[in-house]
């Protein structure tokens, strides 16, 4: 099984055991907390994969590390195999970021 940025392994639904978890807030305004950045304009480019991947990474940085970072989807688009404006995948974007980083 191929893994992307986690050690997740499949477990059949009927074998999942409920465990005690810490209490969490059910209603969180992620925009107000800085975990969701403003919408970006991708123009004529079909690069939603890059914008989605970067948005996810920025959100994780804000939620878990309390960092207000802004990364560039353009770097992924420019370095994509062939033409990054003709589409791609979030998995591929994450692999690119994991191997080369992003600015």
C-alpha atoms as a PDB file:
ATOM      1  CA  UNK A   1       0.000   0.000   0.000  1.00  0.00           C
ATOM      2  CA  UNK A   2       1.430   3.349  -1.016  1.00  0.00           C
ATOM      3  CA  UNK A   3       1.481   6.031   1.680  1.00  0.00           C
ATOM      4  CA  UNK A   4       1.366   9.806   1.293  1.00  0.00           C
ATOM      5  CA  UNK A   5       2.602  11.866   4.238  1.00  0.00           C
ATOM      6  CA  UNK A   6       1.145   9.524   6.846  1.00  0.00           C
ATOM      7  CA  UNK A   7       1.279   6.047   8.282  1.00  0.00           C
ATOM      8  CA  UNK A   8      -2.434   5.424   7.803  1.00  0.00           C
ATOM      9  CA  UNK A   9      -3.409   1.818   7.323  1.00  0.00           C
ATOM     10  CA  UNK A  10      -6.812   0.499   6.353  1.00  0.00           C
ATOM     11  CA  UNK A  11      -8.943  -1.040   9.084  1.00  0.00           C
ATOM     12  CA  UNK A  12     -12.373  -2.539   8.343  1.00  0.00           C
ATOM     13  CA  UNK A  13     -15.214  -0.517   9.838  1.00  0.00           C
ATOM     14  CA  UNK A  14     -16.493  -3.355  11.990  1.00  0.00           C
ATOM     15  CA  UNK A  15     -13.076  -3.703  13.661  1.00  0.00           C
ATOM     16  CA  UNK A  16     -12.727  -0.094  14.790  1.00  0.00           C
ATOM     17  CA  UNK A  17     -12.645   0.192  18.556  1.00  0.00           C
ATOM     18  CA  UNK A  18     -13.876   3.364  20.235  1.00  0.00           C
ATOM     19  CA  UNK A  19     -11.305   4.939  22.532  1.00  0.00           C
ATOM     20  CA  UNK A  20     -11.186   7.850  24.934  1.00  0.00           C
ATOM     21  CA  UNK A  21     -10.203  11.027  23.151  1.00  0.00           C
ATOM     22  CA  UNK A  22      -9.536  14.473  24.556  1.00  0.00           C
ATOM     23  CA  UNK A  23     -12.418  16.900  24.323  1.00  0.00           C
ATOM     24  CA  UNK A  24     -12.343  19.127  21.283  1.00  0.00           C
ATOM     25  CA  UNK A  25     -14.259  22.205  20.290  1.00  0.00           C
ATOM     26  CA  UNK A  26     -17.018  21.275  17.881  1.00  0.00           C
ATOM     27  CA  UNK A  27     -17.466  24.785  16.521  1.00  0.00           C
ATOM     28  CA  UNK A  28     -14.247  26.427  15.426  1.00  0.00           C
ATOM     29  CA  UNK A  29     -14.054  29.397  13.089  1.00  0.00           C
ATOM     30  CA  UNK A  30     -10.937  28.381  11.158  1.00  0.00           C
ATOM     31  CA  UNK A  31     -11.030  31.578   9.083  1.00  0.00           C
ATOM     32  CA  UNK A  32     -10.964  33.786  12.196  1.00  0.00           C
ATOM     33  CA  UNK A  33      -8.233  31.640  13.730  1.00  0.00           C
ATOM     34  CA  UNK A  34      -6.014  32.123  10.661  1.00  0.00           C
ATOM     35  CA  UNK A  35      -6.063  28.533   9.417  1.00  0.00           C
ATOM     36  CA  UNK A  36      -7.863  29.438   6.170  1.00  0.00           C
ATOM     37  CA  UNK A  37      -6.277  31.991   3.889  1.00  0.00           C
ATOM     38  CA  UNK A  38      -8.178  34.185   1.421  1.00  0.00           C
ATOM     39  CA  UNK A  39      -9.172  32.673  -1.934  1.00  0.00           C
ATOM     40  CA  UNK A  40      -6.501  32.995  -4.625  1.00  0.00           C
ATOM     41  CA  UNK A  41      -7.115  33.547  -8.322  1.00  0.00           C
ATOM     42  CA  UNK A  42      -5.653  30.804 -10.508  1.00  0.00           C
ATOM     43  CA  UNK A  43      -6.565  32.695 -13.680  1.00  0.00           C
ATOM     44  CA  UNK A  44      -6.828  30.579 -16.831  1.00  0.00           C
ATOM     45  CA  UNK A  45      -4.643  27.844 -15.352  1.00  0.00           C
ATOM     46  CA  UNK A  46      -6.190  24.493 -14.378  1.00  0.00           C
ATOM     47  CA  UNK A  47      -4.106  24.148 -11.221  1.00  0.00           C
ATOM     48  CA  UNK A  48      -6.641  23.568  -8.476  1.00  0.00           C
ATOM     49  CA  UNK A  49      -4.486  20.632  -7.333  1.00  0.00           C
ATOM     50  CA  UNK A  50      -1.620  23.002  -6.456  1.00  0.00           C
ATOM     51  CA  UNK A  51      -3.860  25.563  -4.734  1.00  0.00           C
ATOM     52  CA  UNK A  52      -5.584  22.819  -2.716  1.00  0.00           C
ATOM     53  CA  UNK A  53      -2.331  21.222  -1.610  1.00  0.00           C
ATOM     54  CA  UNK A  54      -0.818  24.558  -0.576  1.00  0.00           C
ATOM     55  CA  UNK A  55      -4.004  25.544   1.254  1.00  0.00           C
ATOM     56  CA  UNK A  56      -3.921  22.292   3.193  1.00  0.00           C
ATOM     57  CA  UNK A  57      -0.298  22.784   4.202  1.00  0.00           C
ATOM     58  CA  UNK A  58      -0.924  26.390   5.259  1.00  0.00           C
ATOM     59  CA  UNK A  59      -3.901  25.228   7.360  1.00  0.00           C
ATOM     60  CA  UNK A  60      -1.864  22.515   9.082  1.00  0.00           C
ATOM     61  CA  UNK A  61       0.914  25.028   9.816  1.00  0.00           C
ATOM     62  CA  UNK A  62      -1.633  27.382  11.400  1.00  0.00           C
ATOM     63  CA  UNK A  63      -3.514  24.745  13.417  1.00  0.00           C
ATOM     64  CA  UNK A  64      -0.687  22.589  14.707  1.00  0.00           C
ATOM     65  CA  UNK A  65       2.334  24.900  14.683  1.00  0.00           C
ATOM     66  CA  UNK A  66       0.627  28.283  15.200  1.00  0.00           C
ATOM     67  CA  UNK A  67       2.469  29.635  12.140  1.00  0.00           C
ATOM     68  CA  UNK A  68       0.841  32.085   9.749  1.00  0.00           C
ATOM     69  CA  UNK A  69       2.676  31.076   6.566  1.00  0.00           C
ATOM     70  CA  UNK A  70       1.908  31.713   2.916  1.00  0.00           C
ATOM     71  CA  UNK A  71       3.339  29.357   0.308  1.00  0.00           C
ATOM     72  CA  UNK A  72       3.419  29.645  -3.475  1.00  0.00           C
ATOM     73  CA  UNK A  73       1.287  27.327  -5.619  1.00  0.00           C
ATOM     74  CA  UNK A  74       3.112  28.852  -8.597  1.00  0.00           C
ATOM     75  CA  UNK A  75       6.281  26.945  -7.712  1.00  0.00           C
ATOM     76  CA  UNK A  76       4.428  23.633  -8.028  1.00  0.00           C
ATOM     77  CA  UNK A  77       2.754  24.724 -11.270  1.00  0.00           C
ATOM     78  CA  UNK A  78       6.071  25.861 -12.804  1.00  0.00           C
ATOM     79  CA  UNK A  79       7.930  22.689 -11.832  1.00  0.00           C
ATOM     80  CA  UNK A  80       5.174  20.190 -12.711  1.00  0.00           C
ATOM     81  CA  UNK A  81       6.078  17.583 -15.334  1.00  0.00           C
ATOM     82  CA  UNK A  82       5.154  19.092 -18.667  1.00  0.00           C
ATOM     83  CA  UNK A  83       2.637  21.895 -18.214  1.00  0.00           C
ATOM     84  CA  UNK A  84       1.330  22.441 -14.687  1.00  0.00           C
ATOM     85  CA  UNK A  85      -1.573  24.500 -16.032  1.00  0.00           C
ATOM     86  CA  UNK A  86      -3.092  21.431 -17.660  1.00  0.00           C
ATOM     87  CA  UNK A  87      -3.918  19.782 -14.357  1.00  0.00           C
ATOM     88  CA  UNK A  88      -2.288  17.513 -11.829  1.00  0.00           C
ATOM     89  CA  UNK A  89      -2.978  15.780  -8.538  1.00  0.00           C
ATOM     90  CA  UNK A  90      -2.797  16.788  -4.903  1.00  0.00           C
ATOM     91  CA  UNK A  91      -0.839  13.584  -4.198  1.00  0.00           C
ATOM     92  CA  UNK A  92       1.716  14.606  -6.798  1.00  0.00           C
ATOM     93  CA  UNK A  93       1.901  18.111  -5.340  1.00  0.00           C
ATOM     94  CA  UNK A  94       2.475  16.697  -1.840  1.00  0.00           C
ATOM     95  CA  UNK A  95       5.200  14.389  -3.191  1.00  0.00           C
ATOM     96  CA  UNK A  96       6.855  17.348  -4.902  1.00  0.00           C
ATOM     97  CA  UNK A  97       6.745  19.424  -1.714  1.00  0.00           C
ATOM     98  CA  UNK A  98       8.026  16.526   0.394  1.00  0.00           C
ATOM     99  CA  UNK A  99      10.987  15.968  -1.929  1.00  0.00           C
ATOM    100  CA  UNK A 100      11.890  19.582  -2.762  1.00  0.00           C
ATOM    101  CA  UNK A 101      10.101  21.903  -0.360  1.00  0.00           C
ATOM    102  CA  UNK A 102       8.183  25.001  -1.381  1.00  0.00           C
ATOM    103  CA  UNK A 103       8.521  28.741  -0.926  1.00  0.00           C
END
